[in-house]
């Protein structure tokens, strides 16, 4: 086996990416503390052509050296906005007609496997320790949970984004 060269990957330029039709999907980061996780969200959002990332609360914003290390330039391609709180972002998105879906382990959550995406949708990801805030969960239309079989009680938050975005992309193709 031979790996593909950069030319064979046929990646878009930054200008071409800006012109690309995006998924009507917004990622909302509710007080994400790790700069590496924030960068990973940007890189994953670029890979799946997400419309935007909303950075909320203590979530750091670009430009930042530590975000750039994992984003690898995706902060230049993915549109982003900052909000003082995730609840403020949710209110803005709801007024624009977005379904609000939080990813969290909660009593009334549904399995990601059983979720049928409605467009446009905003997905909320919470703090690495505390998760999505209670007030944002209360303001959500649906709470999604990624099924797990191991001994750990959670996945890394940016890994959850990759799983979710892959799932909804594949679900929309089939």
Protein backbone atom coordinates (compact mmCIF):
# COMPACT_ATOMS: atom_id res chain seq x y z
CA UNK A 1 0.00 0.00 0.00
CA UNK A 2 1.10 3.50 -0.74
CA UNK A 3 -0.28 6.56 1.04
CA UNK A 4 -1.87 9.25 -1.12
CA UNK A 5 0.17 12.34 -1.83
CA UNK A 6 -1.12 15.79 -0.93
CA UNK A 7 -1.96 16.35 -4.60
CA UNK A 8 -3.94 13.11 -4.78
CA UNK A 9 -6.07 14.18 -1.79
CA UNK A 10 -7.59 17.01 -3.89
CA UNK A 11 -8.04 19.32 -0.90
CA UNK A 12 -9.70 22.69 -1.37
CA UNK A 13 -7.86 25.95 -1.01
CA UNK A 14 -8.99 28.33 1.74
CA UNK A 15 -10.77 30.45 -0.90
CA UNK A 16 -12.51 27.42 -2.39
CA UNK A 17 -13.57 26.27 1.08
CA UNK A 18 -15.16 29.66 1.80
CA UNK A 19 -17.27 29.27 -1.36
CA UNK A 20 -18.27 25.68 -0.54
CA UNK A 21 -21.88 25.05 0.49
CA UNK A 22 -21.72 24.15 4.19
CA UNK A 23 -23.81 21.76 6.25
CA UNK A 24 -26.54 23.79 8.02
CA UNK A 25 -24.91 22.79 11.30
CA UNK A 26 -23.47 24.96 14.07
CA UNK A 27 -21.24 23.64 16.84
CA UNK A 28 -21.66 25.42 20.19
CA UNK A 29 -18.84 25.10 22.73
CA UNK A 30 -20.12 25.64 26.27
CA UNK A 31 -17.12 26.61 28.43
CA UNK A 32 -14.51 24.33 26.84
CA UNK A 33 -11.29 24.82 28.78
CA UNK A 34 -8.72 22.91 26.71
CA UNK A 35 -7.13 24.86 23.89
CA UNK A 36 -6.22 21.57 22.21
CA UNK A 37 -9.88 20.51 22.26
CA UNK A 38 -10.92 23.84 20.76
CA UNK A 39 -8.39 23.39 17.96
CA UNK A 40 -9.66 19.85 17.38
CA UNK A 41 -13.22 21.15 17.05
CA UNK A 42 -12.07 23.58 14.35
CA UNK A 43 -10.19 20.90 12.45
CA UNK A 44 -13.15 18.49 12.60
CA UNK A 45 -15.60 21.24 11.60
CA UNK A 46 -13.44 21.96 8.56
CA UNK A 47 -13.35 18.26 7.62
CA UNK A 48 -17.16 18.04 7.65
CA UNK A 49 -17.84 21.52 6.19
CA UNK A 50 -19.74 22.77 9.24
CA UNK A 51 -21.35 26.19 8.91
CA UNK A 52 -19.85 27.69 12.09
CA UNK A 53 -18.54 27.22 15.59
CA UNK A 54 -19.90 29.37 18.42
CA UNK A 55 -17.40 29.82 21.24
CA UNK A 56 -19.03 30.57 24.58
CA UNK A 57 -18.04 31.59 28.10
CA UNK A 58 -14.48 30.62 29.05
CA UNK A 59 -13.87 28.99 25.65
CA UNK A 60 -10.80 30.68 24.16
CA UNK A 61 -10.95 32.29 20.73
CA UNK A 62 -8.49 32.43 17.83
CA UNK A 63 -5.91 33.54 17.17
CA UNK A 64 -4.09 31.53 19.78
CA UNK A 65 -0.91 29.49 19.37
CA UNK A 66 -2.23 26.49 21.33
CA UNK A 67 -5.50 26.38 19.36
CA UNK A 68 -3.54 26.63 16.10
CA UNK A 69 -1.39 23.59 17.02
CA UNK A 70 -4.37 21.25 16.67
CA UNK A 71 -6.53 23.31 14.29
CA UNK A 72 -3.76 23.33 11.66
CA UNK A 73 -5.22 26.37 9.89
CA UNK A 74 -8.91 25.50 10.29
CA UNK A 75 -9.45 28.70 12.28
CA UNK A 76 -8.96 30.42 8.91
CA UNK A 77 -11.60 28.33 7.15
CA UNK A 78 -14.36 27.73 9.72
CA UNK A 79 -16.54 30.72 10.56
CA UNK A 80 -16.79 31.40 14.30
CA UNK A 81 -18.49 33.78 16.72
CA UNK A 82 -18.04 34.45 20.41
CA UNK A 83 -20.92 34.66 22.91
CA UNK A 84 -20.71 35.47 26.62
CA UNK A 85 -22.73 32.34 27.38
CA UNK A 86 -23.98 29.26 25.58
CA UNK A 87 -27.52 30.23 26.55
CA UNK A 88 -27.09 33.49 24.64
CA UNK A 89 -25.90 31.49 21.61
CA UNK A 90 -28.86 29.09 21.93
CA UNK A 91 -31.32 31.98 21.97
CA UNK A 92 -29.75 33.46 18.83
CA UNK A 93 -29.78 30.11 17.04
CA UNK A 94 -33.37 29.34 18.04
CA UNK A 95 -34.48 32.72 16.63
CA UNK A 96 -32.89 31.63 13.33
CA UNK A 97 -34.86 28.35 13.30
CA UNK A 98 -32.19 25.92 14.50
CA UNK A 99 -33.03 22.73 16.36
CA UNK A 100 -30.97 22.77 19.57
CA UNK A 101 -29.33 19.42 20.38
CA UNK A 102 -27.05 19.00 23.40
CA UNK A 103 -24.66 16.08 23.76
CA UNK A 104 -24.82 14.90 27.34
CA UNK A 105 -25.50 11.89 29.53
CA UNK A 106 -28.91 12.73 30.94
CA UNK A 107 -32.05 10.92 32.08
CA UNK A 108 -34.05 12.06 29.05
CA UNK A 109 -31.31 11.63 26.42
CA UNK A 110 -31.75 9.58 23.27
CA UNK A 111 -29.08 7.47 21.63
CA UNK A 112 -27.25 9.13 18.77
CA UNK A 113 -28.03 5.98 16.79
CA UNK A 114 -31.77 6.74 17.05
CA UNK A 115 -31.47 10.44 16.19
CA UNK A 116 -32.69 11.68 12.82
CA UNK A 117 -31.19 15.06 12.11
CA UNK A 118 -33.48 17.95 11.29
CA UNK A 119 -31.90 20.89 9.51
CA UNK A 120 -30.66 23.33 10.52
CA UNK A 121 -29.28 21.98 13.80
CA UNK A 122 -26.99 23.39 16.48
CA UNK A 123 -25.05 20.86 18.56
CA UNK A 124 -23.88 21.86 22.02
CA UNK A 125 -20.76 20.37 23.59
CA UNK A 126 -19.99 21.02 27.25
CA UNK A 127 -17.09 21.58 29.57
CA UNK A 128 -14.65 18.69 29.95
CA UNK A 129 -15.46 18.29 33.67
CA UNK A 130 -18.99 19.63 34.16
CA UNK A 131 -20.53 18.92 30.74
CA UNK A 132 -23.29 21.03 29.23
CA UNK A 133 -24.71 23.47 31.78
CA UNK A 134 -28.14 22.68 33.26
CA UNK A 135 -29.64 25.91 31.93
CA UNK A 136 -28.54 25.02 28.40
CA UNK A 137 -29.84 21.46 28.77
CA UNK A 138 -33.19 22.92 29.83
CA UNK A 139 -33.19 25.15 26.73
CA UNK A 140 -32.37 22.27 24.36
CA UNK A 141 -34.90 20.59 22.10
CA UNK A 142 -33.19 17.21 22.36
CA UNK A 143 -30.36 15.68 24.37
CA UNK A 144 -28.22 13.13 22.56
CA UNK A 145 -26.00 10.49 24.09
CA UNK A 146 -23.26 8.47 22.40
CA UNK A 147 -23.58 4.84 23.55
CA UNK A 148 -20.49 3.48 25.30
CA UNK A 149 -19.55 -0.03 26.40
CA UNK A 150 -16.33 0.44 28.35
CA UNK A 151 -15.49 1.28 31.94
CA UNK A 152 -14.99 5.02 31.50
CA UNK A 153 -17.98 7.28 31.98
CA UNK A 154 -17.26 9.63 29.09
CA UNK A 155 -15.35 10.32 25.88
CA UNK A 156 -13.13 13.29 25.15
CA UNK A 157 -15.41 16.15 24.07
CA UNK A 158 -13.65 16.73 20.75
CA UNK A 159 -13.83 12.99 20.00
CA UNK A 160 -17.60 13.26 20.53
CA UNK A 161 -17.71 15.94 17.85
CA UNK A 162 -15.97 13.66 15.37
CA UNK A 163 -18.36 10.80 16.12
CA UNK A 164 -21.42 13.04 15.86
CA UNK A 165 -20.38 14.80 12.65
CA UNK A 166 -19.44 11.53 10.97
CA UNK A 167 -22.76 10.00 12.06
CA UNK A 168 -24.92 12.84 10.74
CA UNK A 169 -22.93 13.05 7.50
CA UNK A 170 -23.33 9.32 6.82
CA UNK A 171 -27.01 9.45 7.87
CA UNK A 172 -27.67 12.27 5.39
CA UNK A 173 -25.98 10.34 2.56
CA UNK A 174 -28.03 7.16 3.05
